[in-house]
Amino acid sequence: MLNKETFKKGLKELQSAFDGFRVNDSKITTWYKYSKFLDDDMFLVKIENCIRGCRKAPTLADILDQNEYYSGEGTEHIGSANSCYKRCFGNCGVSRSDSLKKSCEYCFSNLR
């Protein structure tokens, strides 16, 4: 579950990165309600990916749609586990439900 301090940190990063990004108490309450299922690391990765890839102040949907994984600083994103699984068609031997939790080694090594 997303820690409220981590959530606030992510919002502050968005405010710094996007001039048009505004928050108020209502927005904070609603956004937290729909993103608290994320863990801290996943939320911060989504914020970072949004800052790198969004061209305007993001909506909550823009953030939640961001990839959950990245291959490291300064390199291209590998993509979400779901798209990773779709691209390797399960040839990696990882079940679809497991691939949704994390990308598999097969996909990391063969789908760059």
PDB file of N, CA and C in Angstrom:
ATOM      1  N   MET A   1       0.839  -1.188   0.000  1.00  0.00           N
ATOM      2  CA  MET A   1       0.000   0.000   0.000  1.00  0.00           C
ATOM      3  C   MET A   1       0.880   1.245   0.000  1.00  0.00           C
ATOM      4  N   LEU A   2       0.486   2.218  -0.765  1.00  0.00           N
ATOM      5  CA  LEU A   2       1.238   3.449  -0.929  1.00  0.00           C
ATOM      6  C   LEU A   2       1.244   4.280   0.355  1.00  0.00           C
ATOM      7  N   ASN A   3       2.439   4.601   0.801  1.00  0.00           N
ATOM      8  CA  ASN A   3       2.624   5.450   1.965  1.00  0.00           C
ATOM      9  C   ASN A   3       2.233   6.881   1.599  1.00  0.00           C
ATOM     10  N   LYS A   4       1.540   7.572   2.487  1.00  0.00           N
ATOM     11  CA  LYS A   4       1.080   8.934   2.186  1.00  0.00           C
ATOM     12  C   LYS A   4       2.236   9.910   1.980  1.00  0.00           C
ATOM     13  N   GLU A   5       3.332   9.703   2.677  1.00  0.00           N
ATOM     14  CA  GLU A   5       4.492  10.583   2.490  1.00  0.00           C
ATOM     15  C   GLU A   5       5.106  10.387   1.103  1.00  0.00           C
ATOM     16  N   THR A   6       5.177   9.147   0.647  1.00  0.00           N
ATOM     17  CA  THR A   6       5.682   8.865  -0.697  1.00  0.00           C
ATOM     18  C   THR A   6       4.746   9.476  -1.739  1.00  0.00           C
ATOM     19  N   PHE A   7       3.456   9.371  -1.508  1.00  0.00           N
ATOM     20  CA  PHE A   7       2.463   9.955  -2.396  1.00  0.00           C
ATOM     21  C   PHE A   7       2.667  11.464  -2.511  1.00  0.00           C
ATOM     22  N   LYS A   8       2.833  12.126  -1.381  1.00  0.00           N
ATOM     23  CA  LYS A   8       3.047  13.582  -1.382  1.00  0.00           C
ATOM     24  C   LYS A   8       4.353  13.950  -2.084  1.00  0.00           C
ATOM     25  N   LYS A   9       5.374  13.129  -1.898  1.00  0.00           N
ATOM     26  CA  LYS A   9       6.655  13.358  -2.574  1.00  0.00           C
ATOM     27  C   LYS A   9       6.470  13.301  -4.092  1.00  0.00           C
ATOM     28  N   GLY A  10       5.712  12.314  -4.564  1.00  0.00           N
ATOM     29  CA  GLY A  10       5.450  12.190  -5.991  1.00  0.00           C
ATOM     30  C   GLY A  10       4.706  13.387  -6.547  1.00  0.00           C
ATOM     31  N   LEU A  11       3.713  13.877  -5.793  1.00  0.00           N
ATOM     32  CA  LEU A  11       2.966  15.060  -6.234  1.00  0.00           C
ATOM     33  C   LEU A  11       3.864  16.291  -6.292  1.00  0.00           C
ATOM     34  N   LYS A  12       4.771  16.425  -5.335  1.00  0.00           N
ATOM     35  CA  LYS A  12       5.703  17.563  -5.340  1.00  0.00           C
ATOM     36  C   LYS A  12       6.623  17.494  -6.561  1.00  0.00           C
ATOM     37  N   GLU A  13       7.053  16.284  -6.922  1.00  0.00           N
ATOM     38  CA  GLU A  13       7.887  16.134  -8.115  1.00  0.00           C
ATOM     39  C   GLU A  13       7.120  16.538  -9.362  1.00  0.00           C
ATOM     40  N   LEU A  14       5.842  16.167  -9.430  1.00  0.00           N
ATOM     41  CA  LEU A  14       5.011  16.561 -10.568  1.00  0.00           C
ATOM     42  C   LEU A  14       4.834  18.076 -10.619  1.00  0.00           C
ATOM     43  N   GLN A  15       4.651  18.713  -9.466  1.00  0.00           N
ATOM     44  CA  GLN A  15       4.523  20.161  -9.429  1.00  0.00           C
ATOM     45  C   GLN A  15       5.793  20.843  -9.917  1.00  0.00           C
ATOM     46  N   SER A  16       6.937  20.280  -9.580  1.00  0.00           N
ATOM     47  CA  SER A  16       8.208  20.850 -10.017  1.00  0.00           C
ATOM     48  C   SER A  16       8.421  20.671 -11.522  1.00  0.00           C
ATOM     49  N   ALA A  17       7.940  19.560 -12.050  1.00  0.00           N
ATOM     50  CA  ALA A  17       8.188  19.234 -13.453  1.00  0.00           C
ATOM     51  C   ALA A  17       7.186  19.876 -14.412  1.00  0.00           C
ATOM     52  N   PHE A  18       5.959  20.115 -13.965  1.00  0.00           N
ATOM     53  CA  PHE A  18       4.900  20.611 -14.845  1.00  0.00           C
ATOM     54  C   PHE A  18       4.310  21.904 -14.282  1.00  0.00           C
ATOM     55  N   ASP A  19       4.500  23.001 -15.013  1.00  0.00           N
ATOM     56  CA  ASP A  19       3.982  24.294 -14.556  1.00  0.00           C
ATOM     57  C   ASP A  19       2.475  24.266 -14.332  1.00  0.00           C
ATOM     58  N   GLY A  20       1.728  23.537 -15.158  1.00  0.00           N
ATOM     59  CA  GLY A  20       0.283  23.523 -15.062  1.00  0.00           C
ATOM     60  C   GLY A  20      -0.279  22.515 -14.078  1.00  0.00           C
ATOM     61  N   PHE A  21       0.575  21.823 -13.338  1.00  0.00           N
ATOM     62  CA  PHE A  21       0.083  20.804 -12.403  1.00  0.00           C
ATOM     63  C   PHE A  21      -0.270  21.460 -11.072  1.00  0.00           C
ATOM     64  N   ARG A  22      -1.554  21.428 -10.753  1.00  0.00           N
ATOM     65  CA  ARG A  22      -2.054  22.025  -9.518  1.00  0.00           C
ATOM     66  C   ARG A  22      -2.701  20.956  -8.640  1.00  0.00           C
ATOM     67  N   VAL A  23      -2.541  21.102  -7.342  1.00  0.00           N
ATOM     68  CA  VAL A  23      -3.196  20.178  -6.410  1.00  0.00           C
ATOM     69  C   VAL A  23      -4.009  20.969  -5.403  1.00  0.00           C
ATOM     70  N   ASN A  24      -5.067  20.346  -4.931  1.00  0.00           N
ATOM     71  CA  ASN A  24      -5.870  20.881  -3.840  1.00  0.00           C
ATOM     72  C   ASN A  24      -6.284  19.693  -2.982  1.00  0.00           C
ATOM     73  N   ASP A  25      -6.947  19.962  -1.872  1.00  0.00           N
ATOM     74  CA  ASP A  25      -7.310  18.873  -0.945  1.00  0.00           C
ATOM     75  C   ASP A  25      -8.185  17.817  -1.609  1.00  0.00           C
ATOM     76  N   SER A  26      -9.113  18.244  -2.424  1.00  0.00           N
ATOM     77  CA  SER A  26     -10.006  17.305  -3.101  1.00  0.00           C
ATOM     78  C   SER A  26      -9.239  16.404  -4.063  1.00  0.00           C
ATOM     79  N   LYS A  27      -8.330  16.990  -4.825  1.00  0.00           N
ATOM     80  CA  LYS A  27      -7.527  16.216  -5.774  1.00  0.00           C
ATOM     81  C   LYS A  27      -6.640  15.220  -5.035  1.00  0.00           C
ATOM     82  N   ILE A  28      -6.024  15.663  -3.952  1.00  0.00           N
ATOM     83  CA  ILE A  28      -5.153  14.785  -3.170  1.00  0.00           C
ATOM     84  C   ILE A  28      -5.936  13.580  -2.646  1.00  0.00           C
ATOM     85  N   THR A  29      -7.107  13.824  -2.105  1.00  0.00           N
ATOM     86  CA  THR A  29      -7.948  12.749  -1.557  1.00  0.00           C
ATOM     87  C   THR A  29      -8.348  11.755  -2.651  1.00  0.00           C
ATOM     88  N   THR A  30      -8.806  12.273  -3.775  1.00  0.00           N
ATOM     89  CA  THR A  30      -9.256  11.407  -4.871  1.00  0.00           C
ATOM     90  C   THR A  30      -8.094  10.634  -5.474  1.00  0.00           C
ATOM     91  N   TRP A  31      -7.000  11.304  -5.747  1.00  0.00           N
ATOM     92  CA  TRP A  31      -5.853  10.625  -6.362  1.00  0.00           C
ATOM     93  C   TRP A  31      -5.307   9.536  -5.438  1.00  0.00           C
ATOM     94  N   TYR A  32      -5.226   9.827  -4.151  1.00  0.00           N
ATOM     95  CA  TYR A  32      -4.724   8.807  -3.222  1.00  0.00           C
ATOM     96  C   TYR A  32      -5.666   7.610  -3.173  1.00  0.00           C
ATOM     97  N   LYS A  33      -6.958   7.871  -3.172  1.00  0.00           N
ATOM     98  CA  LYS A  33      -7.952   6.795  -3.140  1.00  0.00           C
ATOM     99  C   LYS A  33      -7.739   5.802  -4.283  1.00  0.00           C
ATOM    100  N   TYR A  34      -7.403   6.310  -5.475  1.00  0.00           N
ATOM    101  CA  TYR A  34      -7.271   5.448  -6.651  1.00  0.00           C
ATOM    102  C   TYR A  34      -5.839   4.995  -6.937  1.00  0.00           C
ATOM    103  N   SER A  35      -4.889   5.432  -6.151  1.00  0.00           N
ATOM    104  CA  SER A  35      -3.519   4.967  -6.372  1.00  0.00           C
ATOM    105  C   SER A  35      -2.914   4.286  -5.151  1.00  0.00           C
ATOM    106  N   LYS A  36      -3.657   4.181  -4.056  1.00  0.00           N
ATOM    107  CA  LYS A  36      -3.088   3.593  -2.835  1.00  0.00           C
ATOM    108  C   LYS A  36      -2.806   2.098  -2.961  1.00  0.00           C
ATOM    109  N   PHE A  37      -3.336   1.447  -4.002  1.00  0.00           N
ATOM    110  CA  PHE A  37      -3.052   0.022  -4.214  1.00  0.00           C
ATOM    111  C   PHE A  37      -1.615  -0.209  -4.687  1.00  0.00           C
ATOM    112  N   LEU A  38      -0.965   0.829  -5.198  1.00  0.00           N
ATOM    113  CA  LEU A  38       0.422   0.713  -5.653  1.00  0.00           C
ATOM    114  C   LEU A  38       1.352   0.662  -4.438  1.00  0.00           C
ATOM    115  N   ASP A  39       2.505   0.018  -4.622  1.00  0.00           N
ATOM    116  CA  ASP A  39       3.499   0.130  -3.559  1.00  0.00           C
ATOM    117  C   ASP A  39       4.333   1.391  -3.818  1.00  0.00           C
ATOM    118  N   ASP A  40       5.135   1.779  -2.860  1.00  0.00           N
ATOM    119  CA  ASP A  40       5.893   3.029  -2.959  1.00  0.00           C
ATOM    120  C   ASP A  40       6.791   3.070  -4.189  1.00  0.00           C
ATOM    121  N   ASP A  41       7.564   2.008  -4.408  1.00  0.00           N
ATOM    122  CA  ASP A  41       8.500   1.989  -5.528  1.00  0.00           C
ATOM    123  C   ASP A  41       7.777   2.079  -6.871  1.00  0.00           C
ATOM    124  N   MET A  42       6.687   1.341  -7.008  1.00  0.00           N
ATOM    125  CA  MET A  42       5.946   1.348  -8.268  1.00  0.00           C
ATOM    126  C   MET A  42       5.368   2.740  -8.538  1.00  0.00           C
ATOM    127  N   PHE A  43       4.846   3.383  -7.512  1.00  0.00           N
ATOM    128  CA  PHE A  43       4.294   4.726  -7.677  1.00  0.00           C
ATOM    129  C   PHE A  43       5.377   5.698  -8.136  1.00  0.00           C
ATOM    130  N   LEU A  44       6.535   5.659  -7.499  1.00  0.00           N
ATOM    131  CA  LEU A  44       7.611   6.580  -7.865  1.00  0.00           C
ATOM    132  C   LEU A  44       8.140   6.312  -9.268  1.00  0.00           C
ATOM    133  N   VAL A  45       8.173   5.048  -9.689  1.00  0.00           N
ATOM    134  CA  VAL A  45       8.586   4.727 -11.057  1.00  0.00           C
ATOM    135  C   VAL A  45       7.578   5.309 -12.045  1.00  0.00           C
ATOM    136  N   LYS A  46       6.303   5.177 -11.748  1.00  0.00           N
ATOM    137  CA  LYS A  46       5.269   5.729 -12.630  1.00  0.00           C
ATOM    138  C   LYS A  46       5.381   7.255 -12.702  1.00  0.00           C
ATOM    139  N   ILE A  47       5.659   7.902 -11.584  1.00  0.00           N
ATOM    140  CA  ILE A  47       5.849   9.363 -11.569  1.00  0.00           C
ATOM    141  C   ILE A  47       7.060   9.725 -12.429  1.00  0.00           C
ATOM    142  N   GLU A  48       8.159   9.018 -12.229  1.00  0.00           N
ATOM    143  CA  GLU A  48       9.384   9.282 -12.995  1.00  0.00           C
ATOM    144  C   GLU A  48       9.148   9.075 -14.488  1.00  0.00           C
ATOM    145  N   ASN A  49       8.480   7.991 -14.846  1.00  0.00           N
ATOM    146  CA  ASN A  49       8.197   7.720 -16.253  1.00  0.00           C
ATOM    147  C   ASN A  49       7.285   8.783 -16.848  1.00  0.00           C
ATOM    148  N   CYS A  50       6.344   9.284 -16.057  1.00  0.00           N
ATOM    149  CA  CYS A  50       5.443  10.333 -16.522  1.00  0.00           C
ATOM    150  C   CYS A  50       6.224  11.628 -16.744  1.00  0.00           C
ATOM    151  N   ILE A  51       7.102  11.960 -15.838  1.00  0.00           N
ATOM    152  CA  ILE A  51       7.912  13.170 -15.991  1.00  0.00           C
ATOM    153  C   ILE A  51       8.763  13.063 -17.252  1.00  0.00           C
ATOM    154  N   ARG A  52       9.294  11.899 -17.518  1.00  0.00           N
ATOM    155  CA  ARG A  52      10.104  11.700 -18.718  1.00  0.00           C
ATOM    156  C   ARG A  52       9.279  11.685 -20.009  1.00  0.00           C
ATOM    157  N   GLY A  53       8.025  11.206 -19.925  1.00  0.00           N
ATOM    158  CA  GLY A  53       7.288  10.976 -21.165  1.00  0.00           C
ATOM    159  C   GLY A  53       6.049  11.813 -21.415  1.00  0.00           C
ATOM    160  N   CYS A  54       5.482  12.430 -20.379  1.00  0.00           N
ATOM    161  CA  CYS A  54       4.264  13.220 -20.569  1.00  0.00           C
ATOM    162  C   CYS A  54       4.630  14.615 -21.079  1.00  0.00           C
ATOM    163  N   ARG A  55       3.864  15.082 -22.030  1.00  0.00           N
ATOM    164  CA  ARG A  55       4.140  16.392 -22.628  1.00  0.00           C
ATOM    165  C   ARG A  55       3.339  17.521 -21.982  1.00  0.00           C
ATOM    166  N   LYS A  56       2.427  17.188 -21.100  1.00  0.00           N
ATOM    167  CA  LYS A  56       1.606  18.180 -20.419  1.00  0.00           C
ATOM    168  C   LYS A  56       1.352  17.703 -18.995  1.00  0.00           C
ATOM    169  N   ALA A  57       0.789  18.568 -18.188  1.00  0.00           N
ATOM    170  CA  ALA A  57       0.459  18.190 -16.807  1.00  0.00           C
ATOM    171  C   ALA A  57      -0.421  16.945 -16.844  1.00  0.00           C
ATOM    172  N   PRO A  58      -0.023  15.895 -16.128  1.00  0.00           N
ATOM    173  CA  PRO A  58      -0.731  14.611 -16.241  1.00  0.00           C
ATOM    174  C   PRO A  58      -2.034  14.540 -15.454  1.00  0.00           C
ATOM    175  N   THR A  59      -2.907  13.690 -15.945  1.00  0.00           N
ATOM    176  CA  THR A  59      -4.088  13.294 -15.184  1.00  0.00           C
ATOM    177  C   THR A  59      -3.705  12.057 -14.375  1.00  0.00           C
ATOM    178  N   LEU A  60      -4.567  11.631 -13.478  1.00  0.00           N
ATOM    179  CA  LEU A  60      -4.306  10.404 -12.734  1.00  0.00           C
ATOM    180  C   LEU A  60      -4.192   9.218 -13.688  1.00  0.00           C
ATOM    181  N   ALA A  61      -5.038   9.182 -14.711  1.00  0.00           N
ATOM    182  CA  ALA A  61      -4.988   8.097 -15.695  1.00  0.00           C
ATOM    183  C   ALA A  61      -3.640   8.076 -16.419  1.00  0.00           C
ATOM    184  N   ASP A  62      -3.087   9.243 -16.727  1.00  0.00           N
ATOM    185  CA  ASP A  62      -1.771   9.305 -17.369  1.00  0.00           C
ATOM    186  C   ASP A  62      -0.715   8.633 -16.497  1.00  0.00           C
ATOM    187  N   ILE A  63      -0.777   8.876 -15.217  1.00  0.00           N
ATOM    188  CA  ILE A  63       0.208   8.298 -14.295  1.00  0.00           C
ATOM    189  C   ILE A  63       0.000   6.795 -14.150  1.00  0.00           C
ATOM    190  N   LEU A  64      -1.234   6.383 -13.936  1.00  0.00           N
ATOM    191  CA  LEU A  64      -1.505   4.955 -13.757  1.00  0.00           C
ATOM    192  C   LEU A  64      -1.197   4.155 -15.012  1.00  0.00           C
ATOM    193  N   ASP A  65      -1.289   4.779 -16.178  1.00  0.00           N
ATOM    194  CA  ASP A  65      -0.985   4.101 -17.441  1.00  0.00           C
ATOM    195  C   ASP A  65       0.508   3.961 -17.706  1.00  0.00           C
ATOM    196  N   GLN A  66       1.327   4.624 -16.921  1.00  0.00           N
ATOM    197  CA  GLN A  66       2.773   4.564 -17.143  1.00  0.00           C
ATOM    198  C   GLN A  66       3.307   3.164 -16.875  1.00  0.00           C
ATOM    199  N   ASN A  67       4.397   2.839 -17.560  1.00  0.00           N
ATOM    200  CA  ASN A  67       5.056   1.555 -17.370  1.00  0.00           C
ATOM    201  C   ASN A  67       5.467   1.377 -15.915  1.00  0.00           C
ATOM    202  N   GLU A  68       5.407   0.119 -15.483  1.00  0.00           N
ATOM    203  CA  GLU A  68       5.789  -0.200 -14.113  1.00  0.00           C
ATOM    204  C   GLU A  68       7.269  -0.533 -14.006  1.00  0.00           C
ATOM    205  N   TYR A  69       7.903  -0.758 -15.143  1.00  0.00           N
ATOM    206  CA  TYR A  69       9.297  -1.187 -15.153  1.00  0.00           C
ATOM    207  C   TYR A  69      10.098  -0.301 -16.079  1.00  0.00           C
ATOM    208  N   TYR A  70      11.359  -0.155 -15.779  1.00  0.00           N
ATOM    209  CA  TYR A  70      12.265   0.513 -16.694  1.00  0.00           C
ATOM    210  C   TYR A  70      13.598  -0.189 -16.602  1.00  0.00           C
ATOM    211  N   SER A  71      14.377  -0.033 -17.654  1.00  0.00           N
ATOM    212  CA  SER A  71      15.615  -0.800 -17.724  1.00  0.00           C
ATOM    213  C   SER A  71      16.803  -0.086 -17.091  1.00  0.00           C
ATOM    214  N   GLY A  72      16.608   1.080 -16.582  1.00  0.00           N
ATOM    215  CA  GLY A  72      17.684   1.785 -15.905  1.00  0.00           C
ATOM    216  C   GLY A  72      17.806   3.203 -16.411  1.00  0.00           C
ATOM    217  N   GLU A  73      18.555   3.988 -15.701  1.00  0.00           N
ATOM    218  CA  GLU A  73      18.685   5.399 -16.032  1.00  0.00           C
ATOM    219  C   GLU A  73      19.336   5.591 -17.391  1.00  0.00           C
ATOM    220  N   GLY A  74      18.725   6.445 -18.184  1.00  0.00           N
ATOM    221  CA  GLY A  74      19.302   6.791 -19.479  1.00  0.00           C
ATOM    222  C   GLY A  74      19.073   5.771 -20.577  1.00  0.00           C
ATOM    223  N   THR A  75      18.306   4.739 -20.335  1.00  0.00           N
ATOM    224  CA  THR A  75      18.033   3.754 -21.371  1.00  0.00           C
ATOM    225  C   THR A  75      16.548   3.699 -21.636  1.00  0.00           C
ATOM    226  N   GLU A  76      16.150   3.037 -22.694  1.00  0.00           N
ATOM    227  CA  GLU A  76      14.738   2.967 -23.038  1.00  0.00           C
ATOM    228  C   GLU A  76      13.967   2.105 -22.053  1.00  0.00           C
ATOM    229  N   HIS A  77      12.703   2.427 -21.919  1.00  0.00           N
ATOM    230  CA  HIS A  77      11.831   1.632 -21.067  1.00  0.00           C
ATOM    231  C   HIS A  77      11.564   0.290 -21.721  1.00  0.00           C
ATOM    232  N   ILE A  78      11.508  -0.744 -20.929  1.00  0.00           N
ATOM    233  CA  ILE A  78      11.192  -2.068 -21.445  1.00  0.00           C
ATOM    234  C   ILE A  78       9.694  -2.207 -21.643  1.00  0.00           C
ATOM    235  N   GLY A  79       8.904  -1.644 -20.775  1.00  0.00           N
ATOM    236  CA  GLY A  79       7.453  -1.725 -20.903  1.00  0.00           C
ATOM    237  C   GLY A  79       6.841  -2.441 -19.732  1.00  0.00           C
ATOM    238  N   SER A  80       5.542  -2.444 -19.716  1.00  0.00           N
ATOM    239  CA  SER A  80       4.846  -3.089 -18.612  1.00  0.00           C
ATOM    240  C   SER A  80       4.941  -4.600 -18.730  1.00  0.00           C
ATOM    241  N   ALA A  81       4.697  -5.268 -17.639  1.00  0.00           N
ATOM    242  CA  ALA A  81       4.746  -6.732 -17.645  1.00  0.00           C
ATOM    243  C   ALA A  81       3.691  -7.297 -18.583  1.00  0.00           C
ATOM    244  N   ASN A  82       2.548  -6.658 -18.648  1.00  0.00           N
ATOM    245  CA  ASN A  82       1.487  -7.146 -19.518  1.00  0.00           C
ATOM    246  C   ASN A  82       1.928  -7.119 -20.986  1.00  0.00           C
ATOM    247  N   SER A  83       2.505  -6.004 -21.433  1.00  0.00           N
ATOM    248  CA  SER A  83       2.954  -5.944 -22.822  1.00  0.00           C
ATOM    249  C   SER A  83       4.153  -6.864 -23.037  1.00  0.00           C
ATOM    250  N   CYS A  84       4.955  -7.030 -22.001  1.00  0.00           N
ATOM    251  CA  CYS A  84       6.096  -7.950 -22.070  1.00  0.00           C
ATOM    252  C   CYS A  84       5.590  -9.362 -22.341  1.00  0.00           C
ATOM    253  N   TYR A  85       4.576  -9.775 -21.596  1.00  0.00           N
ATOM    254  CA  TYR A  85       4.025 -11.113 -21.769  1.00  0.00           C
ATOM    255  C   TYR A  85       3.404 -11.275 -23.151  1.00  0.00           C
ATOM    256  N   LYS A  86       2.700 -10.262 -23.605  1.00  0.00           N
ATOM    257  CA  LYS A  86       2.071 -10.335 -24.925  1.00  0.00           C
ATOM    258  C   LYS A  86       3.117 -10.491 -26.024  1.00  0.00           C
ATOM    259  N   ARG A  87       4.261  -9.837 -25.855  1.00  0.00           N
ATOM    260  CA  ARG A  87       5.286  -9.889 -26.902  1.00  0.00           C
ATOM    261  C   ARG A  87       6.020 -11.222 -26.930  1.00  0.00           C
ATOM    262  N   CYS A  88       6.185 -11.878 -25.806  1.00  0.00           N
ATOM    263  CA  CYS A  88       6.905 -13.155 -25.824  1.00  0.00           C
ATOM    264  C   CYS A  88       5.935 -14.332 -25.881  1.00  0.00           C
ATOM    265  N   PHE A  89       4.606 -14.043 -25.801  1.00  0.00           N
ATOM    266  CA  PHE A  89       3.574 -15.070 -25.935  1.00  0.00           C
ATOM    267  C   PHE A  89       3.754 -16.233 -24.973  1.00  0.00           C
ATOM    268  N   GLY A  90       4.308 -15.978 -23.817  1.00  0.00           N
ATOM    269  CA  GLY A  90       4.468 -17.027 -22.828  1.00  0.00           C
ATOM    270  C   GLY A  90       5.615 -17.978 -23.113  1.00  0.00           C
ATOM    271  N   ASN A  91       6.442 -17.700 -24.136  1.00  0.00           N
ATOM    272  CA  ASN A  91       7.582 -18.566 -24.452  1.00  0.00           C
ATOM    273  C   ASN A  91       8.607 -18.595 -23.333  1.00  0.00           C
ATOM    274  N   CYS A  92       8.501 -17.666 -22.428  1.00  0.00           N
ATOM    275  CA  CYS A  92       9.445 -17.580 -21.327  1.00  0.00           C
ATOM    276  C   CYS A  92       9.146 -18.616 -20.250  1.00  0.00           C
ATOM    277  N   GLY A  93       7.956 -19.202 -20.301  1.00  0.00           N
ATOM    278  CA  GLY A  93       7.577 -20.185 -19.295  1.00  0.00           C
ATOM    279  C   GLY A  93       6.965 -19.570 -18.054  1.00  0.00           C
ATOM    280  N   VAL A  94       6.844 -18.260 -18.027  1.00  0.00           N
ATOM    281  CA  VAL A  94       6.231 -17.575 -16.893  1.00  0.00           C
ATOM    282  C   VAL A  94       4.738 -17.470 -17.159  1.00  0.00           C
ATOM    283  N   SER A  95       3.929 -17.767 -16.152  1.00  0.00           N
ATOM    284  CA  SER A  95       2.480 -17.667 -16.330  1.00  0.00           C
ATOM    285  C   SER A  95       2.085 -16.207 -16.498  1.00  0.00           C
ATOM    286  N   ARG A  96       0.943 -15.988 -17.103  1.00  0.00           N
ATOM    287  CA  ARG A  96       0.485 -14.613 -17.318  1.00  0.00           C
ATOM    288  C   ARG A  96       0.305 -13.888 -15.988  1.00  0.00           C
ATOM    289  N   SER A  97      -0.240 -14.553 -14.987  1.00  0.00           N
ATOM    290  CA  SER A  97      -0.450 -13.884 -13.702  1.00  0.00           C
ATOM    291  C   SER A  97       0.883 -13.504 -13.054  1.00  0.00           C
ATOM    292  N   ASP A  98       1.894 -14.367 -13.188  1.00  0.00           N
ATOM    293  CA  ASP A  98       3.208 -14.021 -12.651  1.00  0.00           C
ATOM    294  C   ASP A  98       3.852 -12.892 -13.442  1.00  0.00           C
ATOM    295  N   SER A  99       3.639 -12.896 -14.765  1.00  0.00           N
ATOM    296  CA  SER A  99       4.258 -11.851 -15.580  1.00  0.00           C
ATOM    297  C   SER A  99       3.650 -10.490 -15.283  1.00  0.00           C
ATOM    298  N   LEU A 100       2.414 -10.469 -14.797  1.00  0.00           N
ATOM    299  CA  LEU A 100       1.802  -9.193 -14.443  1.00  0.00           C
ATOM    300  C   LEU A 100       2.402  -8.628 -13.164  1.00  0.00           C
ATOM    301  N   LYS A 101       3.026  -9.470 -12.360  1.00  0.00           N
ATOM    302  CA  LYS A 101       3.672  -9.013 -11.137  1.00  0.00           C
ATOM    303  C   LYS A 101       5.071  -8.477 -11.432  1.00  0.00           C
ATOM    304  N   LYS A 102       5.755  -9.091 -12.383  1.00  0.00           N
ATOM    305  CA  LYS A 102       7.096  -8.635 -12.738  1.00  0.00           C
ATOM    306  C   LYS A 102       7.449  -9.185 -14.109  1.00  0.00           C
ATOM    307  N   SER A 103       8.261  -8.437 -14.825  1.00  0.00           N
ATOM    308  CA  SER A 103       8.694  -8.921 -16.135  1.00  0.00           C
ATOM    309  C   SER A 103       9.681 -10.056 -15.943  1.00  0.00           C
ATOM    310  N   CYS A 104       9.666 -10.993 -16.872  1.00  0.00           N
ATOM    311  CA  CYS A 104      10.510 -12.174 -16.740  1.00  0.00           C
ATOM    312  C   CYS A 104      11.879 -11.951 -17.371  1.00  0.00           C
ATOM    313  N   GLU A 105      12.839 -12.747 -16.992  1.00  0.00           N
ATOM    314  CA  GLU A 105      14.199 -12.633 -17.523  1.00  0.00           C
ATOM    315  C   GLU A 105      14.237 -12.845 -19.031  1.00  0.00           C
ATOM    316  N   TYR A 106      13.425 -13.752 -19.539  1.00  0.00           N
ATOM    317  CA  TYR A 106      13.366 -13.990 -20.984  1.00  0.00           C
ATOM    318  C   TYR A 106      13.022 -12.684 -21.701  1.00  0.00           C
ATOM    319  N   CYS A 107      12.016 -12.017 -21.199  1.00  0.00           N
ATOM    320  CA  CYS A 107      11.572 -10.785 -21.838  1.00  0.00           C
ATOM    321  C   CYS A 107      12.631  -9.689 -21.711  1.00  0.00           C
ATOM    322  N   PHE A 108      13.266  -9.574 -20.558  1.00  0.00           N
ATOM    323  CA  PHE A 108      14.292  -8.559 -20.395  1.00  0.00           C
ATOM    324  C   PHE A 108      15.451  -8.786 -21.357  1.00  0.00           C
ATOM    325  N   SER A 109      15.845 -10.031 -21.542  1.00  0.00           N
ATOM    326  CA  SER A 109      17.009 -10.294 -22.386  1.00  0.00           C
ATOM    327  C   SER A 109      16.706 -10.325 -23.875  1.00  0.00           C
ATOM    328  N   ASN A 110      15.471 -10.649 -24.265  1.00  0.00           N
ATOM    329  CA  ASN A 110      15.177 -10.833 -25.670  1.00  0.00           C
ATOM    330  C   ASN A 110      14.300  -9.770 -26.322  1.00  0.00           C
ATOM    331  N   LEU A 111      13.731  -8.875 -25.550  1.00  0.00           N
ATOM    332  CA  LEU A 111      12.794  -7.923 -26.127  1.00  0.00           C
ATOM    333  C   LEU A 111      13.248  -6.476 -26.011  1.00  0.00           C
ATOM    334  N   ARG A 112      14.513  -6.246 -25.945  1.00  0.00           N
ATOM    335  CA  ARG A 112      15.010  -4.865 -25.855  1.00  0.00           C
ATOM    336  C   ARG A 112      15.006  -4.214 -27.202  1.00  0.00           C
TER     337      ARG A 112
END
